[in-house]
Amino acid sequence: MAGGNIIQCAVDRFEGGTAVLLTEAKEEILMPKKHLPEQTREGSVVAVKISRIEEIEKQREQTAKDILNELFGEHSNEKST
């Protein structure tokens, strides 16, 4: 996992088990309350880091390819004669 963006957000409100985070650009991000630090309340400021996890992406892509090969056969692209 390399780099990533960090977004500073204020906790605007809670709706059940969901926190509504408000970015500096006034965009809302919904976050399960259980993922926030303890003692987080309305008005708290939190940082959200967003980054790609390429290793997991590759694993999922390979899993999808394996499933397709199992369903359609590894030679499904070859023409029959």
Protein backbone atom coordinates (compact mmCIF):
# COMPACT_ATOMS: atom_id res chain seq x y z
CA MET A 1 0.00 0.00 0.00
CA ALA A 2 1.72 3.13 -1.15
CA GLY A 3 0.88 6.78 -0.69
CA GLY A 4 -2.71 7.77 -0.48
CA ASN A 5 -4.84 10.78 0.24
CA ILE A 6 -5.68 12.00 3.71
CA ILE A 7 -9.00 13.79 4.03
CA GLN A 8 -9.69 15.91 7.08
CA CYS A 9 -13.33 15.63 8.19
CA ALA A 10 -15.55 16.90 10.95
CA VAL A 11 -18.13 14.58 12.46
CA ASP A 12 -21.35 16.34 11.49
CA ARG A 13 -23.82 13.92 13.10
CA PHE A 14 -24.63 10.33 13.89
CA GLU A 15 -27.49 8.46 12.24
CA GLY A 16 -27.88 5.21 14.11
CA GLY A 17 -24.62 3.30 13.79
CA THR A 18 -23.35 5.58 11.03
CA ALA A 19 -21.29 8.75 11.36
CA VAL A 20 -21.79 11.46 8.77
CA LEU A 21 -18.40 13.06 8.17
CA LEU A 22 -18.19 16.43 6.46
CA THR A 23 -15.08 17.26 4.43
CA GLU A 24 -13.64 20.74 4.07
CA ALA A 25 -15.33 20.83 0.64
CA LYS A 26 -18.69 20.16 2.37
CA GLU A 27 -18.94 16.63 0.93
CA GLU A 28 -20.42 13.90 3.10
CA ILE A 29 -18.72 10.60 3.82
CA LEU A 30 -20.68 7.87 5.61
CA MET A 31 -18.59 5.81 8.01
CA PRO A 32 -19.67 3.04 10.36
CA LYS A 33 -19.38 4.46 13.87
CA LYS A 34 -17.43 1.38 14.99
CA HIS A 35 -14.48 2.46 12.79
CA LEU A 36 -14.05 5.79 14.56
CA PRO A 37 -11.77 6.30 17.57
CA GLU A 38 -13.38 6.02 20.99
CA GLN A 39 -14.66 9.29 22.41
CA THR A 40 -15.45 10.62 18.91
CA ARG A 41 -18.47 12.88 19.06
CA GLU A 42 -20.25 15.45 16.92
CA GLY A 43 -17.78 18.20 16.12
CA SER A 44 -14.72 15.94 16.44
CA VAL A 45 -12.19 16.26 13.62
CA VAL A 46 -10.83 13.02 12.16
CA ALA A 47 -8.50 12.11 9.30
CA VAL A 48 -9.53 9.53 6.73
CA LYS A 49 -6.76 7.95 4.65
CA ILE A 50 -7.72 6.53 1.27
CA SER A 51 -5.24 4.43 -0.65
CA ARG A 52 -5.23 1.50 -3.06
CA ILE A 53 -4.10 -1.92 -1.91
CA GLU A 54 -2.71 -3.29 -5.16
CA GLU A 55 -1.75 -6.70 -3.74
CA ILE A 56 -5.35 -7.43 -2.79
CA GLU A 57 -6.58 -6.10 -6.15
CA LYS A 58 -4.29 -8.57 -7.93
CA GLN A 59 -5.49 -11.44 -5.73
CA ARG A 60 -9.13 -10.60 -6.45
CA GLU A 61 -8.45 -10.30 -10.18
CA GLN A 62 -6.77 -13.71 -10.17
CA THR A 63 -9.67 -15.23 -8.22
CA ALA A 64 -12.14 -13.83 -10.76
CA LYS A 65 -10.06 -15.24 -13.65
CA ASP A 66 -9.88 -18.62 -11.94
CA ILE A 67 -13.67 -18.70 -11.49
CA LEU A 68 -14.26 -17.74 -15.14
CA ASN A 69 -11.82 -20.41 -16.30
CA GLU A 70 -13.59 -22.97 -14.12
CA LEU A 71 -17.01 -21.95 -15.48
CA PHE A 72 -16.11 -21.60 -19.14
CA GLY A 73 -12.96 -23.67 -19.45
CA GLU A 74 -9.45 -22.48 -20.03
CA HIS A 75 -9.78 -23.00 -23.79
CA SER A 76 -13.11 -21.21 -24.27
CA ASN A 77 -11.48 -18.60 -26.51
CA GLU A 78 -10.15 -21.24 -28.94
CA LYS A 79 -12.22 -22.02 -32.03
CA SER A 80 -13.36 -25.58 -32.57
CA THR A 81 -12.59 -27.21 -35.89
